[in-house]
Amino acid sequence: MPMPAADIEKMIKARFPDAQVQLKDLAGDNDHWAAHVVTSEFKGKSRVQQHQMVYDALGGRMGGVLHALQLTTALPPE
């Protein structure tokens, strides 16, 4: 069962309340997403750690309900 953008955004924002989340459906199937997540909580974290934090926020749905996620992360501008 595909995962709608609203559900993905809700899960990310539950973990990172200040997050700006942009989602793009790459295949038109609600199963292959590109996400750009910006939050101050990434400060001091490596890119790998930032991605792990987002995957953790998705509660183990990667590879199951959420088949593919092309992820980019960033800190907000100062």
Protein backbone atom coordinates (compact mmCIF):
# COMPACT_ATOMS: atom_id res chain seq x y z
CA MET A 1 0.00 0.00 0.00
CA PRO A 2 1.53 3.35 -1.03
CA MET A 3 2.23 6.09 1.49
CA PRO A 4 0.67 9.52 0.78
CA ALA A 5 2.76 12.69 1.00
CA ALA A 6 0.65 14.01 3.89
CA ASP A 7 1.53 10.96 6.00
CA ILE A 8 5.25 11.27 5.26
CA GLU A 9 5.26 14.97 6.08
CA LYS A 10 3.26 14.41 9.27
CA MET A 11 5.73 11.81 10.55
CA ILE A 12 8.76 13.98 9.77
CA LYS A 13 7.19 17.06 11.40
CA ALA A 14 6.22 15.03 14.46
CA ARG A 15 9.92 14.35 15.01
CA PHE A 16 11.18 17.76 13.79
CA PRO A 17 8.51 20.38 14.61
CA ASP A 18 10.43 23.20 12.89
CA ALA A 19 11.03 21.18 9.71
CA GLN A 20 10.34 22.45 6.25
CA VAL A 21 9.46 19.42 4.13
CA GLN A 22 9.17 19.37 0.34
CA LEU A 23 7.96 16.14 -1.27
CA LYS A 24 7.83 15.12 -4.91
CA ASP A 25 6.19 11.94 -6.21
CA LEU A 26 8.85 10.65 -8.61
CA ALA A 27 6.77 7.98 -10.34
CA GLY A 28 3.19 9.13 -9.77
CA ASP A 29 2.49 6.07 -7.62
CA ASN A 30 2.82 7.41 -4.02
CA ASP A 31 5.58 4.83 -3.63
CA HIS A 32 8.73 6.57 -4.94
CA TRP A 33 9.37 9.91 -3.29
CA ALA A 34 11.97 12.67 -3.24
CA ALA A 35 12.07 14.58 0.03
CA HIS A 36 13.98 17.70 1.01
CA VAL A 37 14.00 18.24 4.77
CA VAL A 38 15.32 21.40 6.42
CA THR A 39 15.55 21.61 10.22
CA SER A 40 17.78 23.21 12.84
CA GLU A 41 18.03 19.80 14.54
CA PHE A 42 20.58 18.75 11.90
CA LYS A 43 23.14 21.21 13.33
CA GLY A 44 26.41 19.44 14.12
CA LYS A 45 25.30 16.20 12.44
CA SER A 46 26.94 14.60 9.41
CA ARG A 47 24.87 14.09 6.27
CA VAL A 48 24.63 10.37 7.09
CA GLN A 49 23.41 11.14 10.62
CA GLN A 50 20.84 13.59 9.22
CA HIS A 51 19.48 10.93 6.88
CA GLN A 52 19.37 8.37 9.68
CA MET A 53 17.37 10.83 11.79
CA VAL A 54 14.79 11.20 9.01
CA TYR A 55 14.59 7.43 8.46
CA ASP A 56 14.08 6.98 12.22
CA ALA A 57 11.26 9.53 12.09
CA LEU A 58 9.56 7.33 9.49
CA GLY A 59 9.37 4.54 12.04
CA GLY A 60 10.71 1.61 10.01
CA ARG A 61 8.43 2.17 7.03
CA MET A 62 11.36 2.49 4.59
CA GLY A 63 11.55 -0.53 2.33
CA GLY A 64 8.03 -1.59 3.29
CA VAL A 65 5.11 0.81 3.05
CA LEU A 66 7.50 3.44 1.72
CA HIS A 67 9.37 1.75 -1.11
CA ALA A 68 11.86 4.45 -2.11
CA LEU A 69 12.90 7.85 -0.75
CA GLN A 70 15.43 10.08 -2.47
CA LEU A 71 16.46 12.24 0.48
CA THR A 72 18.26 15.56 0.77
CA THR A 73 18.72 17.39 4.04
CA ALA A 74 19.87 20.86 5.05
CA LEU A 75 20.09 23.37 7.86
CA PRO A 76 17.93 26.51 7.64
CA PRO A 77 19.74 29.64 6.51
CA GLU A 78 21.16 31.71 9.34
